[in-house]
N, C-alpha and C. Protein backbone atom coordinates (compact mmCIF):
# COMPACT_ATOMS: atom_id res chain seq x y z
N UNK A 1 0.85 -1.17 0.00
CA UNK A 1 0.00 0.00 0.00
C UNK A 1 0.89 1.23 0.00
N UNK A 2 0.58 2.21 -0.78
CA UNK A 2 1.31 3.47 -0.82
C UNK A 2 0.58 4.49 0.05
N UNK A 3 1.35 5.20 0.86
CA UNK A 3 0.79 6.20 1.76
C UNK A 3 1.40 7.56 1.42
N UNK A 4 0.56 8.58 1.36
CA UNK A 4 1.03 9.95 1.12
C UNK A 4 0.89 10.74 2.40
N UNK A 5 1.95 11.41 2.78
CA UNK A 5 1.96 12.25 3.97
C UNK A 5 2.17 13.70 3.55
N UNK A 6 1.36 14.60 4.07
CA UNK A 6 1.58 16.03 3.88
C UNK A 6 2.12 16.53 5.20
N UNK A 7 3.31 17.11 5.18
CA UNK A 7 4.04 17.41 6.39
C UNK A 7 4.26 18.92 6.51
N UNK A 8 3.98 19.45 7.69
CA UNK A 8 4.31 20.84 8.02
C UNK A 8 5.09 20.81 9.32
N UNK A 9 6.12 21.62 9.43
CA UNK A 9 6.97 21.56 10.62
C UNK A 9 7.75 22.86 10.79
N UNK A 10 8.24 23.07 12.00
CA UNK A 10 9.17 24.15 12.31
C UNK A 10 10.56 23.57 12.13
N UNK A 11 11.28 23.99 11.14
CA UNK A 11 12.57 23.42 10.82
C UNK A 11 13.75 24.00 11.58
N UNK A 12 13.48 24.79 12.61
CA UNK A 12 14.55 25.47 13.34
C UNK A 12 15.63 24.52 13.84
N UNK A 13 15.26 23.36 14.36
CA UNK A 13 16.23 22.44 14.95
C UNK A 13 16.77 21.40 13.98
N UNK A 14 16.47 21.55 12.70
CA UNK A 14 16.88 20.57 11.70
C UNK A 14 17.76 21.22 10.65
N UNK A 15 18.51 20.41 9.95
CA UNK A 15 19.39 20.89 8.88
C UNK A 15 18.85 20.43 7.54
N UNK A 16 17.63 20.87 7.22
CA UNK A 16 17.00 20.55 5.96
C UNK A 16 16.19 19.27 6.01
N UNK A 17 15.66 18.90 4.87
CA UNK A 17 14.81 17.72 4.75
C UNK A 17 15.64 16.45 4.62
N UNK A 18 16.61 16.43 3.74
CA UNK A 18 17.32 15.22 3.33
C UNK A 18 18.27 14.72 4.42
N UNK A 19 18.31 13.38 4.58
CA UNK A 19 19.21 12.75 5.56
C UNK A 19 20.66 13.13 5.24
N UNK A 20 21.39 13.48 6.31
CA UNK A 20 22.79 13.88 6.19
C UNK A 20 23.62 13.09 7.18
N UNK A 21 24.89 12.91 6.88
CA UNK A 21 25.79 12.17 7.77
C UNK A 21 26.16 12.95 9.02
N UNK A 22 26.17 14.27 8.94
CA UNK A 22 26.70 15.07 10.03
C UNK A 22 25.69 15.95 10.76
N UNK A 23 24.41 15.79 10.48
CA UNK A 23 23.40 16.65 11.12
C UNK A 23 22.04 15.95 11.09
N UNK A 24 21.16 16.37 11.99
CA UNK A 24 19.82 15.79 12.06
C UNK A 24 18.91 16.46 11.02
N UNK A 25 18.07 15.65 10.38
CA UNK A 25 17.18 16.17 9.34
C UNK A 25 15.74 15.76 9.62
N UNK A 26 14.83 16.44 8.97
CA UNK A 26 13.40 16.13 9.10
C UNK A 26 13.12 14.72 8.59
N UNK A 27 13.68 14.36 7.45
CA UNK A 27 13.45 13.03 6.88
C UNK A 27 13.88 11.93 7.85
N UNK A 28 15.04 12.11 8.47
CA UNK A 28 15.56 11.12 9.42
C UNK A 28 14.62 10.93 10.61
N UNK A 29 14.16 12.02 11.19
CA UNK A 29 13.28 11.95 12.36
C UNK A 29 11.92 11.36 11.99
N UNK A 30 11.37 11.77 10.86
CA UNK A 30 10.07 11.25 10.41
C UNK A 30 10.16 9.76 10.08
N UNK A 31 11.22 9.36 9.38
CA UNK A 31 11.40 7.94 9.05
C UNK A 31 11.48 7.08 10.31
N UNK A 32 12.25 7.51 11.27
CA UNK A 32 12.40 6.75 12.51
C UNK A 32 11.06 6.65 13.26
N UNK A 33 10.31 7.73 13.31
CA UNK A 33 9.00 7.70 13.98
C UNK A 33 8.06 6.73 13.26
N UNK A 34 8.07 6.73 11.94
CA UNK A 34 7.22 5.81 11.18
C UNK A 34 7.66 4.36 11.35
N UNK A 35 8.97 4.12 11.42
CA UNK A 35 9.46 2.75 11.67
C UNK A 35 8.97 2.23 13.01
N UNK A 36 9.01 3.07 14.02
CA UNK A 36 8.54 2.66 15.35
C UNK A 36 7.03 2.43 15.33
N UNK A 37 6.29 3.31 14.69
CA UNK A 37 4.83 3.19 14.64
C UNK A 37 4.38 1.96 13.87
N UNK A 38 4.98 1.72 12.70
CA UNK A 38 4.55 0.63 11.82
C UNK A 38 5.27 -0.68 12.10
N UNK A 39 6.39 -0.61 12.83
CA UNK A 39 7.20 -1.80 13.14
C UNK A 39 7.64 -2.52 11.87
N UNK A 40 8.09 -1.73 10.91
CA UNK A 40 8.62 -2.28 9.66
C UNK A 40 9.54 -1.24 9.03
N UNK A 41 10.41 -1.66 8.11
CA UNK A 41 11.30 -0.71 7.44
C UNK A 41 10.51 0.35 6.67
N UNK A 42 10.98 1.58 6.72
CA UNK A 42 10.35 2.68 6.01
C UNK A 42 11.44 3.46 5.29
N UNK A 43 11.22 3.75 4.03
CA UNK A 43 12.12 4.61 3.27
C UNK A 43 11.26 5.67 2.60
N UNK A 44 11.37 6.89 3.08
CA UNK A 44 10.56 7.98 2.54
C UNK A 44 11.10 8.46 1.20
N UNK A 45 10.20 8.89 0.36
CA UNK A 45 10.53 9.55 -0.89
C UNK A 45 9.92 10.94 -0.79
N UNK A 46 10.75 11.97 -0.77
CA UNK A 46 10.27 13.32 -0.53
C UNK A 46 10.15 14.15 -1.79
N UNK A 47 9.24 15.11 -1.76
CA UNK A 47 9.08 16.10 -2.82
C UNK A 47 8.75 17.42 -2.14
N UNK A 48 9.24 18.49 -2.68
CA UNK A 48 9.02 19.78 -2.04
C UNK A 48 8.55 20.81 -3.07
N UNK A 49 7.70 21.71 -2.61
CA UNK A 49 7.23 22.81 -3.45
C UNK A 49 7.26 24.06 -2.59
N UNK A 50 7.87 25.11 -3.12
CA UNK A 50 7.96 26.37 -2.40
C UNK A 50 7.25 27.49 -3.16
N UNK A 51 5.93 27.64 -2.95
CA UNK A 51 5.22 28.76 -3.56
C UNK A 51 5.70 30.08 -2.94
N UNK A 52 5.16 31.18 -3.40
CA UNK A 52 5.61 32.50 -2.95
C UNK A 52 5.67 32.66 -1.44
N UNK A 53 4.60 32.32 -0.72
CA UNK A 53 4.56 32.58 0.72
C UNK A 53 4.31 31.34 1.57
N UNK A 54 4.15 30.18 0.97
CA UNK A 54 3.80 28.97 1.73
C UNK A 54 4.90 27.93 1.64
N UNK A 55 4.96 27.09 2.65
CA UNK A 55 5.91 25.97 2.63
C UNK A 55 5.11 24.70 2.83
N UNK A 56 5.19 23.81 1.89
CA UNK A 56 4.43 22.56 1.97
C UNK A 56 5.32 21.45 1.45
N UNK A 57 5.35 20.34 2.16
CA UNK A 57 6.20 19.22 1.77
C UNK A 57 5.35 17.95 1.75
N UNK A 58 5.64 17.08 0.82
CA UNK A 58 4.94 15.83 0.69
C UNK A 58 5.95 14.70 0.71
N UNK A 59 5.60 13.61 1.39
CA UNK A 59 6.45 12.43 1.40
C UNK A 59 5.57 11.21 1.25
N UNK A 60 6.14 10.13 0.75
CA UNK A 60 5.38 8.91 0.60
C UNK A 60 6.25 7.71 0.90
N UNK A 61 5.60 6.59 1.20
CA UNK A 61 6.32 5.36 1.44
C UNK A 61 5.40 4.17 1.16
N UNK A 62 5.96 3.01 0.94
CA UNK A 62 5.20 1.78 0.78
C UNK A 62 5.14 1.10 2.14
N UNK A 63 3.97 0.61 2.54
CA UNK A 63 3.84 -0.11 3.81
C UNK A 63 3.10 -1.42 3.58
N UNK A 64 3.40 -2.40 4.39
CA UNK A 64 2.68 -3.67 4.31
C UNK A 64 1.74 -3.86 5.48
N UNK A 65 1.89 -3.04 6.53
CA UNK A 65 1.04 -3.15 7.72
C UNK A 65 -0.30 -2.48 7.48
N UNK A 66 -1.32 -2.93 8.19
CA UNK A 66 -2.59 -2.21 8.20
C UNK A 66 -2.42 -1.00 9.10
N UNK A 67 -2.86 0.14 8.61
CA UNK A 67 -2.71 1.37 9.40
C UNK A 67 -4.00 1.62 10.14
């Protein structure tokens, strides 16, 4: 099953969306939370759109568990 997540967050304590070796990212924290919730491997695929005044991010993943 494919799941679409629309994510809004305060990015002050993060170093961007994409997982990095030397800093914490939104993708890393969200993936880990989903792994704990679903009790299965999760690999997010992110997409971003930056309109004039809004910030909106979408991510998706494949899951085998019933949500």
